[in-house]
């Protein structure tokens, strides 16, 4: 049985569609390789993923009481789901109004040891 550790962040104020672009880039990669990619990626969600990846590796280290080799970990799965949508109104011409939807995301990242 392989060791897995996960980290979850909820209510991230970014659209799931934009967050999934970064999630697809790091899925299946080595933790060191994914962290290097996230450092140079010019996307707003890259910072959130860096924090999440750091948390997941720390969870793996804590779960095994320091017996896991952090360099042997890889990103097993990344799941991005829709969170609650914050609805706002934007005034328009002739007394009309348009609805603005501020989308949020729930992100779950799982790291595992390479077999």
N, C-alpha and C. Protein backbone atom coordinates (compact mmCIF):
# COMPACT_ATOMS: atom_id res chain seq x y z
N UNK A 1 0.84 -1.19 0.00
CA UNK A 1 0.00 0.00 0.00
C UNK A 1 0.88 1.25 0.00
N UNK A 2 0.56 2.20 -0.86
CA UNK A 2 1.35 3.41 -0.95
C UNK A 2 0.82 4.46 0.02
N UNK A 3 1.73 5.33 0.43
CA UNK A 3 1.37 6.40 1.35
C UNK A 3 0.84 7.59 0.55
N UNK A 4 -0.28 8.12 1.01
CA UNK A 4 -0.87 9.31 0.38
C UNK A 4 -1.12 10.36 1.44
N UNK A 5 -1.01 11.62 1.02
CA UNK A 5 -1.36 12.74 1.90
C UNK A 5 -2.05 13.77 1.05
N UNK A 6 -3.02 14.46 1.64
CA UNK A 6 -3.73 15.46 0.84
C UNK A 6 -3.85 16.78 1.59
N UNK A 7 -4.11 17.81 0.81
CA UNK A 7 -4.33 19.14 1.34
C UNK A 7 -5.52 19.74 0.59
N UNK A 8 -6.36 20.45 1.30
CA UNK A 8 -7.57 21.03 0.71
C UNK A 8 -7.63 22.51 1.03
N UNK A 9 -8.03 23.30 0.05
CA UNK A 9 -8.31 24.71 0.29
C UNK A 9 -9.69 25.00 -0.31
N UNK A 10 -10.51 25.71 0.45
CA UNK A 10 -11.88 26.01 0.02
C UNK A 10 -12.08 27.50 -0.14
N UNK A 11 -13.07 27.85 -0.91
CA UNK A 11 -13.50 29.24 -1.11
C UNK A 11 -12.39 30.14 -1.65
N UNK A 12 -11.61 29.64 -2.61
CA UNK A 12 -10.58 30.44 -3.26
C UNK A 12 -11.29 31.37 -4.24
N UNK A 13 -11.01 32.66 -4.17
CA UNK A 13 -11.71 33.64 -5.00
C UNK A 13 -11.14 33.70 -6.42
N UNK A 14 -11.13 32.55 -7.09
CA UNK A 14 -10.71 32.46 -8.48
C UNK A 14 -11.66 31.54 -9.20
N UNK A 15 -11.85 31.79 -10.46
CA UNK A 15 -12.75 30.98 -11.27
C UNK A 15 -12.17 29.57 -11.44
N UNK A 16 -12.99 28.53 -11.28
CA UNK A 16 -12.49 27.16 -11.44
C UNK A 16 -11.91 26.90 -12.83
N UNK A 17 -12.44 27.55 -13.82
CA UNK A 17 -11.94 27.39 -15.18
C UNK A 17 -10.49 27.84 -15.32
N UNK A 18 -10.15 28.94 -14.65
CA UNK A 18 -8.78 29.46 -14.68
C UNK A 18 -7.84 28.63 -13.79
N UNK A 19 -8.37 28.13 -12.69
CA UNK A 19 -7.56 27.33 -11.76
C UNK A 19 -7.22 25.98 -12.38
N UNK A 20 -8.14 25.41 -13.16
CA UNK A 20 -7.92 24.10 -13.78
C UNK A 20 -6.76 24.11 -14.77
N UNK A 21 -6.45 25.25 -15.37
CA UNK A 21 -5.32 25.36 -16.30
C UNK A 21 -4.03 25.00 -15.57
N UNK A 22 -3.84 25.55 -14.38
CA UNK A 22 -2.63 25.27 -13.59
C UNK A 22 -2.68 23.85 -13.04
N UNK A 23 -3.87 23.39 -12.63
CA UNK A 23 -4.02 22.03 -12.09
C UNK A 23 -3.60 20.98 -13.12
N UNK A 24 -3.97 21.18 -14.36
CA UNK A 24 -3.62 20.24 -15.42
C UNK A 24 -2.12 20.23 -15.70
N UNK A 25 -1.46 21.35 -15.45
CA UNK A 25 -0.01 21.44 -15.70
C UNK A 25 0.80 20.65 -14.67
N UNK A 26 0.35 20.59 -13.42
CA UNK A 26 1.16 19.95 -12.38
C UNK A 26 0.72 18.52 -12.08
N UNK A 27 -0.42 18.09 -12.59
CA UNK A 27 -0.92 16.74 -12.31
C UNK A 27 0.05 15.69 -12.84
N UNK A 28 0.44 14.74 -11.96
CA UNK A 28 1.33 13.65 -12.35
C UNK A 28 2.81 13.96 -12.28
N UNK A 29 3.17 15.20 -11.96
CA UNK A 29 4.58 15.59 -11.91
C UNK A 29 5.19 15.32 -10.54
N UNK A 30 6.51 15.23 -10.52
CA UNK A 30 7.28 15.12 -9.28
C UNK A 30 7.06 16.41 -8.47
N UNK A 31 7.11 16.34 -7.14
CA UNK A 31 6.85 17.52 -6.30
C UNK A 31 7.86 18.63 -6.58
N UNK A 32 9.14 18.28 -6.71
CA UNK A 32 10.17 19.29 -6.99
C UNK A 32 9.97 19.94 -8.34
N UNK A 33 9.63 19.13 -9.33
CA UNK A 33 9.38 19.64 -10.69
C UNK A 33 8.15 20.55 -10.72
N UNK A 34 7.08 20.13 -10.00
CA UNK A 34 5.85 20.92 -9.94
C UNK A 34 6.10 22.25 -9.23
N UNK A 35 6.90 22.22 -8.15
CA UNK A 35 7.19 23.45 -7.41
C UNK A 35 8.00 24.42 -8.27
N UNK A 36 8.95 23.91 -9.04
CA UNK A 36 9.73 24.75 -9.94
C UNK A 36 8.86 25.38 -11.02
N UNK A 37 7.92 24.59 -11.53
CA UNK A 37 7.00 25.10 -12.55
C UNK A 37 6.09 26.19 -11.99
N UNK A 38 5.62 25.98 -10.76
CA UNK A 38 4.72 26.95 -10.13
C UNK A 38 5.43 28.26 -9.79
N UNK A 39 6.75 28.21 -9.56
CA UNK A 39 7.50 29.44 -9.24
C UNK A 39 7.57 30.38 -10.44
N UNK A 40 7.63 29.84 -11.65
CA UNK A 40 7.82 30.68 -12.84
C UNK A 40 6.54 30.89 -13.64
N UNK A 41 5.45 30.24 -13.24
CA UNK A 41 4.19 30.34 -13.98
C UNK A 41 3.52 31.68 -13.73
N UNK A 42 3.18 32.44 -14.78
CA UNK A 42 2.58 33.76 -14.58
C UNK A 42 1.06 33.71 -14.41
N UNK A 43 0.58 32.85 -13.54
CA UNK A 43 -0.85 32.73 -13.27
C UNK A 43 -1.11 33.05 -11.81
N UNK A 44 -2.24 33.66 -11.52
CA UNK A 44 -2.57 34.04 -10.15
C UNK A 44 -2.75 32.82 -9.25
N UNK A 45 -3.27 31.73 -9.80
CA UNK A 45 -3.52 30.54 -8.99
C UNK A 45 -2.25 29.75 -8.69
N UNK A 46 -1.13 30.08 -9.32
CA UNK A 46 0.12 29.37 -9.06
C UNK A 46 0.56 29.55 -7.61
N UNK A 47 0.35 30.71 -7.03
CA UNK A 47 0.71 30.96 -5.63
C UNK A 47 -0.12 30.07 -4.70
N UNK A 48 -1.40 29.95 -4.98
CA UNK A 48 -2.28 29.10 -4.18
C UNK A 48 -1.83 27.64 -4.27
N UNK A 49 -1.47 27.20 -5.47
CA UNK A 49 -1.02 25.82 -5.65
C UNK A 49 0.32 25.58 -4.96
N UNK A 50 1.21 26.58 -4.94
CA UNK A 50 2.49 26.43 -4.24
C UNK A 50 2.26 26.22 -2.75
N UNK A 51 1.37 27.02 -2.17
CA UNK A 51 1.05 26.87 -0.75
C UNK A 51 0.40 25.51 -0.47
N UNK A 52 -0.47 25.09 -1.37
CA UNK A 52 -1.18 23.82 -1.22
C UNK A 52 -0.22 22.64 -1.34
N UNK A 53 0.71 22.72 -2.27
CA UNK A 53 1.71 21.66 -2.46
C UNK A 53 2.66 21.58 -1.26
N UNK A 54 3.05 22.72 -0.73
CA UNK A 54 3.89 22.76 0.48
C UNK A 54 3.15 22.12 1.66
N UNK A 55 1.86 22.42 1.78
CA UNK A 55 1.06 21.86 2.86
C UNK A 55 0.90 20.35 2.71
N UNK A 56 0.69 19.87 1.48
CA UNK A 56 0.51 18.44 1.24
C UNK A 56 1.80 17.66 1.54
N UNK A 57 2.96 18.22 1.17
CA UNK A 57 4.23 17.55 1.46
C UNK A 57 4.50 17.55 2.97
N UNK A 58 4.14 18.64 3.65
CA UNK A 58 4.29 18.69 5.11
C UNK A 58 3.36 17.68 5.78
N UNK A 59 2.15 17.52 5.23
CA UNK A 59 1.22 16.52 5.76
C UNK A 59 1.77 15.11 5.58
N UNK A 60 2.41 14.86 4.43
CA UNK A 60 3.01 13.54 4.18
C UNK A 60 4.15 13.28 5.14
N UNK A 61 4.96 14.31 5.38
CA UNK A 61 6.08 14.19 6.31
C UNK A 61 5.59 13.93 7.73
N UNK A 62 4.53 14.63 8.13
CA UNK A 62 3.97 14.48 9.46
C UNK A 62 3.28 13.12 9.64
N UNK A 63 2.62 12.67 8.57
CA UNK A 63 1.87 11.42 8.63
C UNK A 63 2.80 10.22 8.83
N UNK A 64 3.98 10.29 8.22
CA UNK A 64 4.93 9.18 8.32
C UNK A 64 6.00 9.43 9.38
N UNK A 65 5.87 10.53 10.11
CA UNK A 65 6.82 10.91 11.17
C UNK A 65 8.25 11.03 10.64
N UNK A 66 8.38 11.67 9.46
CA UNK A 66 9.69 11.95 8.89
C UNK A 66 10.33 10.81 8.13
N UNK A 67 9.62 9.71 7.93
CA UNK A 67 10.20 8.55 7.24
C UNK A 67 10.07 8.63 5.72
N UNK A 68 9.26 9.55 5.23
CA UNK A 68 9.05 9.66 3.78
C UNK A 68 10.13 10.55 3.16
N UNK A 69 10.57 10.16 1.97
CA UNK A 69 11.51 10.98 1.21
C UNK A 69 10.69 11.97 0.38
N UNK A 70 10.81 13.25 0.69
CA UNK A 70 10.01 14.28 0.03
C UNK A 70 10.30 14.34 -1.46
N UNK A 71 11.53 14.00 -1.86
CA UNK A 71 11.88 14.01 -3.28
C UNK A 71 11.22 12.87 -4.04
N UNK A 72 10.74 11.84 -3.34
CA UNK A 72 10.11 10.70 -3.98
C UNK A 72 8.60 10.88 -4.14
N UNK A 73 8.08 12.01 -3.71
CA UNK A 73 6.64 12.26 -3.81
C UNK A 73 6.28 12.82 -5.19
N UNK A 74 5.07 12.52 -5.64
CA UNK A 74 4.57 13.11 -6.87
C UNK A 74 3.11 13.51 -6.68
N UNK A 75 2.62 14.38 -7.53
CA UNK A 75 1.24 14.87 -7.45
C UNK A 75 0.35 13.80 -8.06
N UNK A 76 -0.35 13.06 -7.21
CA UNK A 76 -1.18 11.96 -7.69
C UNK A 76 -2.46 12.47 -8.34
N UNK A 77 -3.14 13.40 -7.68
CA UNK A 77 -4.36 13.94 -8.26
C UNK A 77 -4.59 15.37 -7.78
N UNK A 78 -5.21 16.13 -8.64
CA UNK A 78 -5.62 17.50 -8.32
C UNK A 78 -7.06 17.63 -8.78
N UNK A 79 -7.93 18.04 -7.86
CA UNK A 79 -9.34 18.17 -8.20
C UNK A 79 -9.77 19.60 -7.91
N UNK A 80 -10.38 20.24 -8.91
CA UNK A 80 -10.87 21.61 -8.76
C UNK A 80 -12.38 21.59 -8.95
N UNK A 81 -13.11 21.98 -7.91
CA UNK A 81 -14.57 22.01 -7.96
C UNK A 81 -15.06 23.44 -7.80
N UNK A 82 -16.30 23.67 -8.20
CA UNK A 82 -16.91 24.99 -8.05
C UNK A 82 -17.32 25.20 -6.60
N UNK A 83 -17.08 26.39 -6.11
CA UNK A 83 -17.54 26.77 -4.79
C UNK A 83 -18.78 27.64 -4.94
N UNK A 84 -19.20 28.29 -3.88
CA UNK A 84 -20.36 29.17 -3.97
C UNK A 84 -20.07 30.38 -4.86
N UNK A 85 -21.08 30.84 -5.56
CA UNK A 85 -20.93 31.98 -6.45
C UNK A 85 -21.47 33.22 -5.75
N UNK A 86 -20.65 34.26 -5.66
CA UNK A 86 -21.07 35.52 -5.06
C UNK A 86 -21.70 36.36 -6.16
N UNK A 87 -22.93 36.81 -5.96
CA UNK A 87 -23.65 37.54 -7.00
C UNK A 87 -23.70 39.02 -6.68
N UNK A 88 -23.34 39.83 -7.65
CA UNK A 88 -23.35 41.28 -7.52
C UNK A 88 -24.07 41.88 -8.72
N UNK A 89 -24.45 43.14 -8.61
CA UNK A 89 -25.16 43.82 -9.70
C UNK A 89 -24.36 45.00 -10.20
N UNK A 90 -24.32 45.19 -11.51
CA UNK A 90 -23.62 46.28 -12.16
C UNK A 90 -24.66 47.18 -12.85
N UNK A 91 -24.73 48.46 -12.48
CA UNK A 91 -25.69 49.35 -13.12
C UNK A 91 -25.36 49.56 -14.60
N UNK A 92 -26.37 49.57 -15.44
CA UNK A 92 -26.20 49.78 -16.87
C UNK A 92 -27.08 50.95 -17.32
N UNK A 93 -27.06 51.21 -18.58
CA UNK A 93 -27.79 52.35 -19.13
C UNK A 93 -29.31 52.14 -19.04
N UNK A 94 -30.04 53.23 -18.99
CA UNK A 94 -31.51 53.27 -19.00
C UNK A 94 -32.13 52.48 -17.85
N UNK A 95 -31.50 52.52 -16.68
CA UNK A 95 -32.07 51.90 -15.48
C UNK A 95 -31.96 50.39 -15.42
N UNK A 96 -31.22 49.81 -16.31
CA UNK A 96 -31.07 48.35 -16.29
C UNK A 96 -29.91 47.95 -15.36
N UNK A 97 -29.80 46.65 -15.14
CA UNK A 97 -28.69 46.13 -14.33
C UNK A 97 -28.28 44.77 -14.87
N UNK A 98 -26.99 44.51 -14.84
CA UNK A 98 -26.46 43.20 -15.23
C UNK A 98 -25.94 42.49 -13.99
N UNK A 99 -26.09 41.18 -13.96
CA UNK A 99 -25.60 40.40 -12.84
C UNK A 99 -24.14 40.04 -13.08
N UNK A 100 -23.30 40.26 -12.06
CA UNK A 100 -21.89 39.88 -12.08
C UNK A 100 -21.75 38.67 -11.17
N UNK A 101 -21.17 37.58 -11.69
CA UNK A 101 -20.98 36.38 -10.88
C UNK A 101 -19.50 36.26 -10.53
N UNK A 102 -19.22 36.34 -9.25
CA UNK A 102 -17.84 36.18 -8.76
C UNK A 102 -17.69 34.73 -8.30
N UNK A 103 -16.99 33.95 -9.11
CA UNK A 103 -16.90 32.52 -8.87
C UNK A 103 -15.80 32.17 -7.87
N UNK A 104 -16.01 31.07 -7.14
CA UNK A 104 -15.02 30.58 -6.19
C UNK A 104 -14.71 29.11 -6.49
N UNK A 105 -13.59 28.62 -5.95
CA UNK A 105 -13.14 27.26 -6.21
C UNK A 105 -12.82 26.53 -4.91
N UNK A 106 -12.98 25.21 -4.95
CA UNK A 106 -12.49 24.32 -3.91
C UNK A 106 -11.43 23.45 -4.57
N UNK A 107 -10.21 23.41 -3.99
CA UNK A 107 -9.11 22.66 -4.59
C UNK A 107 -8.66 21.56 -3.62
N UNK A 108 -8.49 20.35 -4.15
CA UNK A 108 -7.97 19.23 -3.36
C UNK A 108 -6.77 18.64 -4.09
N UNK A 109 -5.64 18.54 -3.39
CA UNK A 109 -4.39 18.04 -3.99
C UNK A 109 -3.90 16.84 -3.19
N UNK A 110 -3.61 15.75 -3.88
CA UNK A 110 -3.13 14.52 -3.23
C UNK A 110 -1.72 14.20 -3.74
N UNK A 111 -0.79 14.00 -2.80
CA UNK A 111 0.56 13.56 -3.15
C UNK A 111 0.75 12.14 -2.66
N UNK A 112 1.55 11.38 -3.40
CA UNK A 112 1.81 9.98 -3.04
C UNK A 112 3.26 9.64 -3.34
N UNK A 113 3.73 8.53 -2.76
CA UNK A 113 5.09 8.05 -3.02
C UNK A 113 5.12 7.31 -4.34
N UNK A 114 6.21 7.47 -5.07
CA UNK A 114 6.40 6.71 -6.30
C UNK A 114 6.72 5.27 -5.94
N UNK A 115 6.14 4.35 -6.68
CA UNK A 115 6.36 2.93 -6.40
C UNK A 115 7.56 2.40 -7.15
